[in-house]
Amino acid sequence: MYKLGVDLGGTKIEAILLDENLNTIQRKRVPTPQNDYSQILNTINSLSADLLENVKDYSIGICTPGAISKKTGLIKNSNTQCLIEKPLKEDLEKKLGQKISMENDANCFAIAESTLGVAKGFDVVFGVIMGTGVGGGIVINGKIHQGRTNIAGEWGHHTLHQNGNNCYCGKQGCVETYISGPALEKRWKELTGKSQNMPEI
């Protein structure tokens, strides 16, 4: 069975098609539509269709910023704010026409590294995400540690400076407002007067 993986990020959506032996068949990346939930659904559907052309037997896994609430099935704690309180998994299953697996992006990163990557063989793994948002995933004995509310490992909204930078979550001084990609680009411009993206910095 082929495997389609989709990484829904704050700035890009990337899809990869793997064969039965996890060899890469095709990979494609496009910008994430900003503040437009329906366009995000359409983009994922379009990417999937492109990569799955002529493929009949496959499964789909999607990683997303934020977490799925155990109580409601809706997305929460996402830096891609148009996803918040949306039934993303349900809507994508309708759009794609089949069941999918969905998990927080940091958890996906951590379990992938502990299973196939540099952290293979370790009992406890903490994977750190520092991109459009800041997050983390914990794997213990080969299993994702979700925590009581599905956000174990998430450290981007711990307070770094009380009364600090305003955050979209409603708090002030969150870690994410200081060390995420957009936050560092903003700080760089304040210090140098130059508007540059992270690779250039």
N, C-alpha and C. Protein backbone atom coordinates (compact mmCIF):
# COMPACT_ATOMS: atom_id res chain seq x y z
N MET A 1 0.84 -1.20 0.00
CA MET A 1 0.00 0.00 0.00
C MET A 1 0.87 1.25 0.00
N TYR A 2 0.54 2.18 -0.88
CA TYR A 2 1.25 3.46 -0.92
C TYR A 2 0.78 4.34 0.25
N LYS A 3 1.63 5.30 0.61
CA LYS A 3 1.31 6.20 1.71
C LYS A 3 1.46 7.64 1.25
N LEU A 4 0.41 8.43 1.48
CA LEU A 4 0.47 9.86 1.19
C LEU A 4 0.52 10.60 2.52
N GLY A 5 1.56 11.41 2.68
CA GLY A 5 1.69 12.23 3.88
C GLY A 5 1.56 13.69 3.52
N VAL A 6 0.80 14.43 4.32
CA VAL A 6 0.60 15.86 4.07
C VAL A 6 0.97 16.63 5.33
N ASP A 7 1.88 17.59 5.18
CA ASP A 7 2.29 18.47 6.27
C ASP A 7 1.64 19.82 6.06
N LEU A 8 0.64 20.11 6.89
CA LEU A 8 -0.05 21.40 6.83
C LEU A 8 0.67 22.37 7.76
N GLY A 9 1.40 23.31 7.19
CA GLY A 9 2.15 24.27 7.98
C GLY A 9 1.56 25.66 7.88
N GLY A 10 2.10 26.57 8.65
CA GLY A 10 1.60 27.94 8.65
C GLY A 10 1.93 28.70 7.39
N THR A 11 3.03 28.32 6.72
CA THR A 11 3.45 29.03 5.51
C THR A 11 3.45 28.15 4.27
N LYS A 12 3.49 26.82 4.46
CA LYS A 12 3.50 25.93 3.30
C LYS A 12 2.74 24.64 3.62
N ILE A 13 2.22 24.03 2.55
CA ILE A 13 1.63 22.70 2.64
C ILE A 13 2.48 21.80 1.75
N GLU A 14 3.00 20.73 2.32
CA GLU A 14 3.86 19.83 1.56
C GLU A 14 3.29 18.42 1.60
N ALA A 15 3.28 17.76 0.46
CA ALA A 15 2.77 16.40 0.37
C ALA A 15 3.86 15.49 -0.19
N ILE A 16 3.88 14.25 0.28
CA ILE A 16 4.86 13.28 -0.19
C ILE A 16 4.18 11.94 -0.39
N LEU A 17 4.53 11.27 -1.47
CA LEU A 17 3.99 9.94 -1.76
C LEU A 17 5.11 8.92 -1.60
N LEU A 18 4.87 7.90 -0.78
CA LEU A 18 5.85 6.85 -0.52
C LEU A 18 5.33 5.52 -1.01
N ASP A 19 6.25 4.65 -1.44
CA ASP A 19 5.83 3.31 -1.84
C ASP A 19 5.80 2.39 -0.61
N GLU A 20 5.60 1.10 -0.85
CA GLU A 20 5.47 0.13 0.26
C GLU A 20 6.73 0.05 1.12
N ASN A 21 7.87 0.39 0.54
CA ASN A 21 9.15 0.34 1.26
C ASN A 21 9.59 1.70 1.76
N LEU A 22 8.66 2.65 1.75
CA LEU A 22 8.89 4.03 2.22
C LEU A 22 9.88 4.80 1.37
N ASN A 23 10.03 4.38 0.12
CA ASN A 23 10.83 5.16 -0.82
C ASN A 23 9.99 6.32 -1.36
N THR A 24 10.61 7.49 -1.52
CA THR A 24 9.89 8.66 -2.02
C THR A 24 9.61 8.52 -3.51
N ILE A 25 8.34 8.61 -3.87
CA ILE A 25 7.92 8.57 -5.27
C ILE A 25 7.80 9.98 -5.83
N GLN A 26 7.18 10.84 -5.04
CA GLN A 26 6.96 12.22 -5.50
C GLN A 26 6.74 13.12 -4.29
N ARG A 27 7.14 14.37 -4.43
CA ARG A 27 6.97 15.36 -3.36
C ARG A 27 6.58 16.69 -4.00
N LYS A 28 5.69 17.40 -3.33
CA LYS A 28 5.25 18.70 -3.87
C LYS A 28 4.94 19.65 -2.72
N ARG A 29 5.30 20.92 -2.90
CA ARG A 29 5.07 21.93 -1.86
C ARG A 29 4.43 23.16 -2.47
N VAL A 30 3.44 23.73 -1.76
CA VAL A 30 2.77 24.95 -2.20
C VAL A 30 2.57 25.86 -1.00
N PRO A 31 2.38 27.16 -1.21
CA PRO A 31 2.12 28.07 -0.09
C PRO A 31 0.77 27.75 0.58
N THR A 32 0.70 27.96 1.87
CA THR A 32 -0.56 27.78 2.60
C THR A 32 -1.44 29.01 2.39
N PRO A 33 -2.68 28.82 1.93
CA PRO A 33 -3.60 29.96 1.83
C PRO A 33 -3.77 30.61 3.20
N GLN A 34 -3.66 31.90 3.25
CA GLN A 34 -3.70 32.60 4.54
C GLN A 34 -5.11 32.96 4.95
N ASN A 35 -5.46 32.58 6.17
CA ASN A 35 -6.75 32.96 6.77
C ASN A 35 -7.95 32.53 5.94
N ASP A 36 -7.84 31.38 5.29
CA ASP A 36 -8.93 30.91 4.43
C ASP A 36 -9.07 29.39 4.59
N TYR A 37 -9.95 28.99 5.49
CA TYR A 37 -10.12 27.58 5.81
C TYR A 37 -10.54 26.76 4.59
N SER A 38 -11.51 27.24 3.84
CA SER A 38 -12.00 26.47 2.69
C SER A 38 -10.91 26.31 1.63
N GLN A 39 -10.06 27.32 1.47
CA GLN A 39 -8.98 27.23 0.49
C GLN A 39 -7.89 26.25 0.96
N ILE A 40 -7.70 26.15 2.26
CA ILE A 40 -6.76 25.15 2.78
C ILE A 40 -7.26 23.75 2.46
N LEU A 41 -8.56 23.52 2.66
CA LEU A 41 -9.16 22.23 2.31
C LEU A 41 -8.97 21.94 0.82
N ASN A 42 -9.26 22.94 -0.01
CA ASN A 42 -9.13 22.76 -1.46
C ASN A 42 -7.69 22.49 -1.89
N THR A 43 -6.75 23.17 -1.23
CA THR A 43 -5.34 23.00 -1.58
C THR A 43 -4.86 21.59 -1.24
N ILE A 44 -5.24 21.11 -0.07
CA ILE A 44 -4.86 19.74 0.32
C ILE A 44 -5.48 18.72 -0.63
N ASN A 45 -6.72 18.95 -0.99
CA ASN A 45 -7.41 18.06 -1.93
C ASN A 45 -6.70 18.05 -3.29
N SER A 46 -6.33 19.23 -3.77
CA SER A 46 -5.66 19.34 -5.06
C SER A 46 -4.28 18.69 -5.04
N LEU A 47 -3.51 18.94 -3.99
CA LEU A 47 -2.19 18.32 -3.84
C LEU A 47 -2.31 16.80 -3.83
N SER A 48 -3.27 16.31 -3.07
CA SER A 48 -3.47 14.86 -2.96
C SER A 48 -3.82 14.25 -4.30
N ALA A 49 -4.71 14.91 -5.02
CA ALA A 49 -5.11 14.41 -6.34
C ALA A 49 -3.92 14.36 -7.30
N ASP A 50 -3.06 15.38 -7.25
CA ASP A 50 -1.88 15.42 -8.12
C ASP A 50 -0.96 14.23 -7.86
N LEU A 51 -0.70 13.95 -6.58
CA LEU A 51 0.26 12.91 -6.24
C LEU A 51 -0.34 11.50 -6.35
N LEU A 52 -1.65 11.40 -6.24
CA LEU A 52 -2.29 10.09 -6.24
C LEU A 52 -2.83 9.68 -7.61
N GLU A 53 -2.52 10.47 -8.61
CA GLU A 53 -2.96 10.12 -9.96
C GLU A 53 -2.41 8.75 -10.34
N ASN A 54 -3.27 7.86 -10.75
CA ASN A 54 -2.93 6.49 -11.14
C ASN A 54 -2.54 5.59 -9.96
N VAL A 55 -2.72 6.06 -8.73
CA VAL A 55 -2.47 5.23 -7.54
C VAL A 55 -3.81 4.80 -6.97
N LYS A 56 -3.99 3.50 -6.76
CA LYS A 56 -5.29 3.00 -6.31
C LYS A 56 -5.32 2.58 -4.85
N ASP A 57 -4.23 1.96 -4.38
CA ASP A 57 -4.21 1.42 -3.01
C ASP A 57 -3.30 2.28 -2.14
N TYR A 58 -3.90 3.10 -1.26
CA TYR A 58 -3.10 4.03 -0.49
C TYR A 58 -3.80 4.40 0.82
N SER A 59 -3.00 4.91 1.76
CA SER A 59 -3.52 5.49 3.00
C SER A 59 -3.06 6.94 3.06
N ILE A 60 -3.74 7.75 3.85
CA ILE A 60 -3.41 9.17 3.96
C ILE A 60 -3.21 9.56 5.42
N GLY A 61 -2.10 10.24 5.69
CA GLY A 61 -1.83 10.78 7.01
C GLY A 61 -1.56 12.27 6.90
N ILE A 62 -2.12 13.05 7.80
CA ILE A 62 -1.97 14.50 7.75
C ILE A 62 -1.52 15.02 9.11
N CYS A 63 -0.49 15.85 9.10
CA CYS A 63 -0.08 16.50 10.35
C CYS A 63 -0.48 17.97 10.28
N THR A 64 -0.90 18.48 11.42
CA THR A 64 -1.49 19.82 11.45
C THR A 64 -0.98 20.61 12.66
N PRO A 65 -0.88 21.93 12.53
CA PRO A 65 -0.59 22.73 13.72
C PRO A 65 -1.80 22.69 14.64
N GLY A 66 -1.55 22.63 15.92
CA GLY A 66 -2.65 22.53 16.87
C GLY A 66 -2.97 21.08 17.18
N ALA A 67 -4.00 20.86 17.95
CA ALA A 67 -4.40 19.53 18.38
C ALA A 67 -5.89 19.34 18.16
N ILE A 68 -6.29 18.08 18.08
CA ILE A 68 -7.71 17.77 17.97
C ILE A 68 -8.26 17.54 19.36
N SER A 69 -9.29 18.29 19.72
CA SER A 69 -9.91 18.15 21.04
C SER A 69 -10.52 16.76 21.18
N LYS A 70 -10.23 16.10 22.31
CA LYS A 70 -10.81 14.79 22.58
C LYS A 70 -12.32 14.89 22.76
N LYS A 71 -12.78 16.02 23.26
CA LYS A 71 -14.21 16.19 23.56
C LYS A 71 -15.03 16.52 22.31
N THR A 72 -14.52 17.43 21.48
CA THR A 72 -15.33 17.95 20.37
C THR A 72 -14.88 17.48 18.98
N GLY A 73 -13.64 17.04 18.85
CA GLY A 73 -13.10 16.69 17.54
C GLY A 73 -12.67 17.90 16.74
N LEU A 74 -12.72 19.09 17.35
CA LEU A 74 -12.34 20.32 16.66
C LEU A 74 -10.88 20.67 16.94
N ILE A 75 -10.28 21.45 16.04
CA ILE A 75 -8.90 21.88 16.21
C ILE A 75 -8.81 22.96 17.28
N LYS A 76 -7.79 22.86 18.12
CA LYS A 76 -7.53 23.89 19.14
C LYS A 76 -6.03 24.17 19.17
N ASN A 77 -5.67 25.29 19.79
CA ASN A 77 -4.26 25.65 20.01
C ASN A 77 -3.45 25.69 18.71
N SER A 78 -4.02 26.22 17.63
CA SER A 78 -3.31 26.28 16.36
C SER A 78 -2.86 27.69 16.04
N ASN A 79 -1.59 27.83 15.61
CA ASN A 79 -1.11 29.14 15.20
C ASN A 79 -1.69 29.54 13.83
N THR A 80 -2.21 28.56 13.08
CA THR A 80 -2.99 28.86 11.88
C THR A 80 -4.42 29.05 12.36
N GLN A 81 -4.75 30.31 12.66
CA GLN A 81 -5.94 30.59 13.45
C GLN A 81 -7.26 30.24 12.76
N CYS A 82 -7.28 30.21 11.43
CA CYS A 82 -8.53 29.87 10.75
C CYS A 82 -8.91 28.41 10.95
N LEU A 83 -8.00 27.59 11.50
CA LEU A 83 -8.31 26.19 11.78
C LEU A 83 -9.01 26.00 13.12
N ILE A 84 -8.88 26.98 14.00
CA ILE A 84 -9.38 26.84 15.36
C ILE A 84 -10.90 26.68 15.37
N GLU A 85 -11.34 25.67 16.15
CA GLU A 85 -12.77 25.34 16.28
C GLU A 85 -13.38 24.80 14.98
N LYS A 86 -12.52 24.29 14.09
CA LYS A 86 -13.00 23.69 12.84
C LYS A 86 -12.85 22.17 12.91
N PRO A 87 -13.80 21.42 12.29
CA PRO A 87 -13.71 19.95 12.24
C PRO A 87 -12.81 19.52 11.07
N LEU A 88 -11.53 19.83 11.17
CA LEU A 88 -10.61 19.65 10.04
C LEU A 88 -10.56 18.20 9.56
N LYS A 89 -10.45 17.27 10.47
CA LYS A 89 -10.37 15.85 10.07
C LYS A 89 -11.64 15.43 9.34
N GLU A 90 -12.77 15.76 9.91
CA GLU A 90 -14.05 15.40 9.30
C GLU A 90 -14.22 16.04 7.92
N ASP A 91 -13.86 17.32 7.81
CA ASP A 91 -14.02 18.03 6.54
C ASP A 91 -13.09 17.48 5.46
N LEU A 92 -11.86 17.12 5.86
CA LEU A 92 -10.92 16.57 4.89
C LEU A 92 -11.34 15.17 4.45
N GLU A 93 -11.90 14.39 5.35
CA GLU A 93 -12.38 13.06 4.97
C GLU A 93 -13.51 13.17 3.95
N LYS A 94 -14.37 14.16 4.14
CA LYS A 94 -15.43 14.39 3.15
C LYS A 94 -14.84 14.83 1.82
N LYS A 95 -13.86 15.74 1.88
CA LYS A 95 -13.26 16.28 0.67
C LYS A 95 -12.46 15.22 -0.10
N LEU A 96 -11.72 14.38 0.65
CA LEU A 96 -10.86 13.38 0.03
C LEU A 96 -11.58 12.07 -0.27
N GLY A 97 -12.74 11.90 0.35
CA GLY A 97 -13.53 10.71 0.07
C GLY A 97 -13.06 9.45 0.75
N GLN A 98 -12.30 9.59 1.85
CA GLN A 98 -11.87 8.40 2.60
C GLN A 98 -11.39 8.80 3.99
N LYS A 99 -11.25 7.79 4.85
CA LYS A 99 -10.76 8.02 6.20
C LYS A 99 -9.29 8.40 6.15
N ILE A 100 -8.89 9.27 7.07
CA ILE A 100 -7.49 9.68 7.15
C ILE A 100 -7.01 9.56 8.59
N SER A 101 -5.70 9.55 8.76
CA SER A 101 -5.10 9.68 10.09
C SER A 101 -4.64 11.12 10.23
N MET A 102 -4.87 11.72 11.40
CA MET A 102 -4.45 13.11 11.62
C MET A 102 -3.84 13.24 13.01
N GLU A 103 -2.74 14.00 13.07
CA GLU A 103 -2.05 14.19 14.34
C GLU A 103 -1.35 15.55 14.33
N ASN A 104 -1.08 16.06 15.50
CA ASN A 104 -0.31 17.29 15.66
C ASN A 104 1.04 17.17 14.97
N ASP A 105 1.51 18.25 14.34
CA ASP A 105 2.74 18.20 13.56
C ASP A 105 3.97 17.84 14.39
N ALA A 106 4.08 18.39 15.60
CA ALA A 106 5.23 18.08 16.44
C ALA A 106 5.23 16.61 16.88
N ASN A 107 4.04 16.07 17.14
CA ASN A 107 3.95 14.66 17.49
C ASN A 107 4.37 13.78 16.32
N CYS A 108 3.96 14.17 15.11
CA CYS A 108 4.36 13.42 13.92
C CYS A 108 5.88 13.44 13.75
N PHE A 109 6.46 14.61 13.94
CA PHE A 109 7.90 14.76 13.82
C PHE A 109 8.62 13.87 14.84
N ALA A 110 8.15 13.91 16.09
CA ALA A 110 8.80 13.16 17.15
C ALA A 110 8.68 11.65 16.93
N ILE A 111 7.50 11.17 16.53
CA ILE A 111 7.33 9.72 16.33
C ILE A 111 8.11 9.25 15.10
N ALA A 112 8.20 10.10 14.07
CA ALA A 112 8.97 9.73 12.88
C ALA A 112 10.46 9.60 13.21
N GLU A 113 10.99 10.55 13.97
CA GLU A 113 12.40 10.49 14.33
C GLU A 113 12.70 9.33 15.28
N SER A 114 11.76 9.02 16.18
CA SER A 114 11.98 7.93 17.13
C SER A 114 11.83 6.56 16.47
N THR A 115 11.10 6.52 15.35
CA THR A 115 10.87 5.25 14.66
C THR A 115 11.86 5.02 13.52
N LEU A 116 12.12 6.08 12.75
CA LEU A 116 12.91 5.94 11.53
C LEU A 116 14.17 6.80 11.49
N GLY A 117 14.28 7.78 12.40
CA GLY A 117 15.33 8.78 12.27
C GLY A 117 16.42 8.74 13.32
N VAL A 118 16.94 9.91 13.65
CA VAL A 118 18.11 10.02 14.52
C VAL A 118 17.83 9.62 15.96
N ALA A 119 16.56 9.58 16.37
CA ALA A 119 16.23 9.22 17.75
C ALA A 119 15.82 7.75 17.89
N LYS A 120 16.01 6.97 16.84
CA LYS A 120 15.64 5.56 16.87
C LYS A 120 16.40 4.83 17.98
N GLY A 121 15.66 4.07 18.78
CA GLY A 121 16.29 3.30 19.86
C GLY A 121 16.26 3.97 21.22
N PHE A 122 15.84 5.25 21.26
CA PHE A 122 15.75 5.95 22.54
C PHE A 122 14.37 5.73 23.15
N ASP A 123 14.35 5.59 24.48
CA ASP A 123 13.08 5.34 25.19
C ASP A 123 12.21 6.59 25.25
N VAL A 124 12.85 7.74 25.43
CA VAL A 124 12.12 9.01 25.55
C VAL A 124 12.67 10.00 24.53
N VAL A 125 11.77 10.59 23.74
CA VAL A 125 12.17 11.54 22.71
C VAL A 125 11.32 12.80 22.82
N PHE A 126 11.98 13.96 22.78
CA PHE A 126 11.28 15.23 22.73
C PHE A 126 11.65 15.92 21.43
N GLY A 127 10.66 16.08 20.54
CA GLY A 127 10.89 16.73 19.25
C GLY A 127 10.47 18.18 19.31
N VAL A 128 11.33 19.08 18.85
CA VAL A 128 11.08 20.52 18.94
C VAL A 128 10.77 21.09 17.56
N ILE A 129 9.67 21.80 17.46
CA ILE A 129 9.29 22.51 16.23
C ILE A 129 9.53 24.00 16.44
N MET A 130 10.31 24.60 15.55
CA MET A 130 10.51 26.05 15.55
C MET A 130 10.34 26.53 14.12
N GLY A 131 9.11 26.89 13.75
CA GLY A 131 8.81 27.34 12.40
C GLY A 131 7.90 28.55 12.47
N THR A 132 6.81 28.51 11.72
CA THR A 132 5.81 29.57 11.82
C THR A 132 5.29 29.65 13.25
N GLY A 133 5.21 28.50 13.89
CA GLY A 133 4.86 28.42 15.30
C GLY A 133 5.96 27.68 16.05
N VAL A 134 5.76 27.52 17.36
CA VAL A 134 6.71 26.79 18.20
C VAL A 134 5.94 25.70 18.93
N GLY A 135 6.44 24.48 18.85
CA GLY A 135 5.74 23.38 19.51
C GLY A 135 6.68 22.25 19.85
N GLY A 136 6.13 21.18 20.38
CA GLY A 136 6.94 20.03 20.75
C GLY A 136 6.11 18.78 20.85
N GLY A 137 6.76 17.63 20.62
CA GLY A 137 6.10 16.34 20.75
C GLY A 137 6.92 15.42 21.63
N ILE A 138 6.25 14.58 22.40
CA ILE A 138 6.92 13.65 23.30
C ILE A 138 6.56 12.23 22.91
N VAL A 139 7.58 11.38 22.80
CA VAL A 139 7.38 9.95 22.55
C VAL A 139 8.03 9.17 23.68
N ILE A 140 7.26 8.27 24.29
CA ILE A 140 7.76 7.44 25.38
C ILE A 140 7.55 5.97 25.00
N ASN A 141 8.65 5.22 24.95
CA ASN A 141 8.60 3.80 24.60
C ASN A 141 7.85 3.55 23.29
N GLY A 142 8.12 4.41 22.31
CA GLY A 142 7.57 4.22 20.98
C GLY A 142 6.14 4.69 20.79
N LYS A 143 5.57 5.37 21.79
CA LYS A 143 4.20 5.85 21.67
C LYS A 143 4.14 7.35 21.97
N ILE A 144 3.30 8.07 21.22
CA ILE A 144 3.11 9.50 21.46
C ILE A 144 2.47 9.70 22.83
N HIS A 145 3.05 10.60 23.59
CA HIS A 145 2.46 10.96 24.90
C HIS A 145 1.56 12.17 24.67
N GLN A 146 0.26 11.94 24.73
CA GLN A 146 -0.70 13.00 24.40
C GLN A 146 -0.98 13.93 25.57
N GLY A 147 -0.97 13.40 26.77
CA GLY A 147 -1.38 14.20 27.93
C GLY A 147 -2.89 14.23 28.05
N ARG A 148 -3.36 14.77 29.14
CA ARG A 148 -4.80 14.76 29.45
C ARG A 148 -5.62 15.52 28.42
N THR A 149 -5.06 16.60 27.87
CA THR A 149 -5.83 17.44 26.93
C THR A 149 -5.24 17.45 25.51
N ASN A 150 -4.41 16.45 25.19
CA ASN A 150 -3.85 16.30 23.84
C ASN A 150 -2.78 17.32 23.49
N ILE A 151 -2.23 18.03 24.46
CA ILE A 151 -1.21 19.04 24.12
C ILE A 151 0.08 18.86 24.92
N ALA A 152 0.35 17.63 25.38
CA ALA A 152 1.62 17.39 26.08
C ALA A 152 2.78 17.71 25.14
N GLY A 153 3.79 18.37 25.67
CA GLY A 153 4.96 18.73 24.87
C GLY A 153 4.87 20.10 24.24
N GLU A 154 3.68 20.68 24.20
CA GLU A 154 3.52 21.99 23.58
C GLU A 154 4.04 23.08 24.53
N TRP A 155 5.08 23.76 24.13
CA TRP A 155 5.74 24.74 25.01
C TRP A 155 5.73 26.15 24.44
N GLY A 156 5.13 26.34 23.27
CA GLY A 156 5.15 27.64 22.61
C GLY A 156 4.37 28.72 23.32
N HIS A 157 3.46 28.31 24.23
CA HIS A 157 2.66 29.32 24.93
C HIS A 157 2.94 29.36 26.42
N HIS A 158 4.12 28.87 26.80
CA HIS A 158 4.61 29.14 28.14
C HIS A 158 5.11 30.58 28.17
N THR A 159 4.93 31.22 29.29
CA THR A 159 5.30 32.64 29.39
C THR A 159 6.79 32.79 29.56
N LEU A 160 7.41 33.52 28.64
CA LEU A 160 8.84 33.80 28.70
C LEU A 160 9.08 35.13 29.41
N HIS A 161 8.24 36.13 29.08
CA HIS A 161 8.33 37.44 29.73
C HIS A 161 6.92 37.90 30.11
N GLN A 162 6.71 38.09 31.41
CA GLN A 162 5.41 38.59 31.83
C GLN A 162 5.22 40.00 31.29
N ASN A 163 4.00 40.29 30.82
CA ASN A 163 3.70 41.59 30.19
C ASN A 163 4.55 41.84 28.95
N GLY A 164 4.93 40.73 28.27
CA GLY A 164 5.76 40.84 27.07
C GLY A 164 4.92 40.97 25.81
N ASN A 165 5.45 40.44 24.72
CA ASN A 165 4.78 40.57 23.41
C ASN A 165 3.36 40.00 23.45
N ASN A 166 2.45 40.67 22.75
CA ASN A 166 1.09 40.16 22.64
C ASN A 166 1.06 38.91 21.75
N CYS A 167 0.28 37.93 22.15
CA CYS A 167 0.16 36.69 21.40
C CYS A 167 -1.29 36.50 20.94
N TYR A 168 -1.46 35.82 19.80
CA TYR A 168 -2.81 35.58 19.28
C TYR A 168 -3.67 34.76 20.23
N CYS A 169 -3.02 34.03 21.15
CA CYS A 169 -3.77 33.19 22.09
C CYS A 169 -4.45 34.03 23.17
N GLY A 170 -4.11 35.32 23.23
CA GLY A 170 -4.72 36.21 24.22
C GLY A 170 -3.81 36.52 25.39
N LYS A 171 -2.69 35.79 25.50
CA LYS A 171 -1.74 36.03 26.59
C LYS A 171 -0.62 36.96 26.12
N GLN A 172 0.27 37.27 27.03
CA GLN A 172 1.44 38.09 26.70
C GLN A 172 2.71 37.33 27.07
N GLY A 173 3.76 37.56 26.27
CA GLY A 173 5.07 37.01 26.60
C GLY A 173 5.28 35.56 26.25
N CYS A 174 4.43 34.98 25.40
CA CYS A 174 4.58 33.56 25.03
C CYS A 174 5.90 33.33 24.29
N VAL A 175 6.49 32.16 24.52
CA VAL A 175 7.73 31.77 23.85
C VAL A 175 7.62 31.98 22.34
N GLU A 176 6.49 31.61 21.76
CA GLU A 176 6.30 31.69 20.31
C GLU A 176 6.45 33.10 19.78
N THR A 177 6.13 34.10 20.58
CA THR A 177 6.22 35.49 20.12
C THR A 177 7.66 36.00 20.09
N TYR A 178 8.61 35.16 20.57
CA TYR A 178 10.01 35.55 20.58
C TYR A 178 10.89 34.71 19.65
N ILE A 179 10.58 33.40 19.51
CA ILE A 179 11.53 32.55 18.78
C ILE A 179 10.92 31.82 17.58
N SER A 180 9.67 32.09 17.23
CA SER A 180 9.14 31.53 15.98
C SER A 180 9.80 32.25 14.81
N GLY A 181 9.67 31.68 13.61
CA GLY A 181 10.25 32.31 12.43
C GLY A 181 9.77 33.74 12.24
N PRO A 182 8.46 34.00 12.22
CA PRO A 182 7.97 35.36 12.05
C PRO A 182 8.44 36.32 13.15
N ALA A 183 8.53 35.81 14.38
CA ALA A 183 8.97 36.66 15.49
C ALA A 183 10.43 37.06 15.33
N LEU A 184 11.27 36.11 14.90
CA LEU A 184 12.69 36.41 14.70
C LEU A 184 12.89 37.36 13.52
N GLU A 185 12.09 37.20 12.46
CA GLU A 185 12.18 38.11 11.32
C GLU A 185 11.78 39.53 11.72
N LYS A 186 10.75 39.63 12.56
CA LYS A 186 10.31 40.94 13.04
C LYS A 186 11.39 41.59 13.89
N ARG A 187 12.00 40.79 14.78
CA ARG A 187 13.05 41.33 15.65
C ARG A 187 14.28 41.75 14.83
N TRP A 188 14.61 40.96 13.81
CA TRP A 188 15.74 41.30 12.94
C TRP A 188 15.52 42.65 12.25
N LYS A 189 14.28 42.87 11.81
CA LYS A 189 13.98 44.15 11.15
C LYS A 189 14.10 45.30 12.14
N GLU A 190 13.64 45.07 13.39
CA GLU A 190 13.76 46.11 14.41
C GLU A 190 15.21 46.47 14.67
N LEU A 191 16.09 45.47 14.65
CA LEU A 191 17.51 45.69 14.97
C LEU A 191 18.31 46.24 13.79
N THR A 192 17.94 45.83 12.57
CA THR A 192 18.77 46.17 11.41
C THR A 192 18.08 47.08 10.39
N GLY A 193 16.75 47.14 10.46
CA GLY A 193 16.00 47.89 9.46
C GLY A 193 15.80 47.11 8.17
N LYS A 194 16.25 45.84 8.13
CA LYS A 194 16.15 45.02 6.93
C LYS A 194 14.99 44.03 7.03
N SER A 195 14.20 43.92 5.96
CA SER A 195 13.15 42.91 5.88
C SER A 195 13.70 41.69 5.16
N GLN A 196 14.00 40.64 5.93
CA GLN A 196 14.57 39.43 5.36
C GLN A 196 13.87 38.21 5.96
N ASN A 197 13.84 37.10 5.19
CA ASN A 197 13.26 35.89 5.74
C ASN A 197 14.33 35.07 6.46
N MET A 198 13.92 34.02 7.13
CA MET A 198 14.84 33.28 7.99
C MET A 198 16.05 32.70 7.26
N PRO A 199 15.90 32.08 6.08
CA PRO A 199 17.11 31.58 5.40
C PRO A 199 18.12 32.68 5.09
N GLU A 200 17.62 33.87 4.76
CA GLU A 200 18.53 34.99 4.47
C GLU A 200 19.21 35.48 5.74
N ILE A 201 18.45 35.52 6.84
CA ILE A 201 19.03 35.96 8.11
C ILE A 201 20.12 35.00 8.56
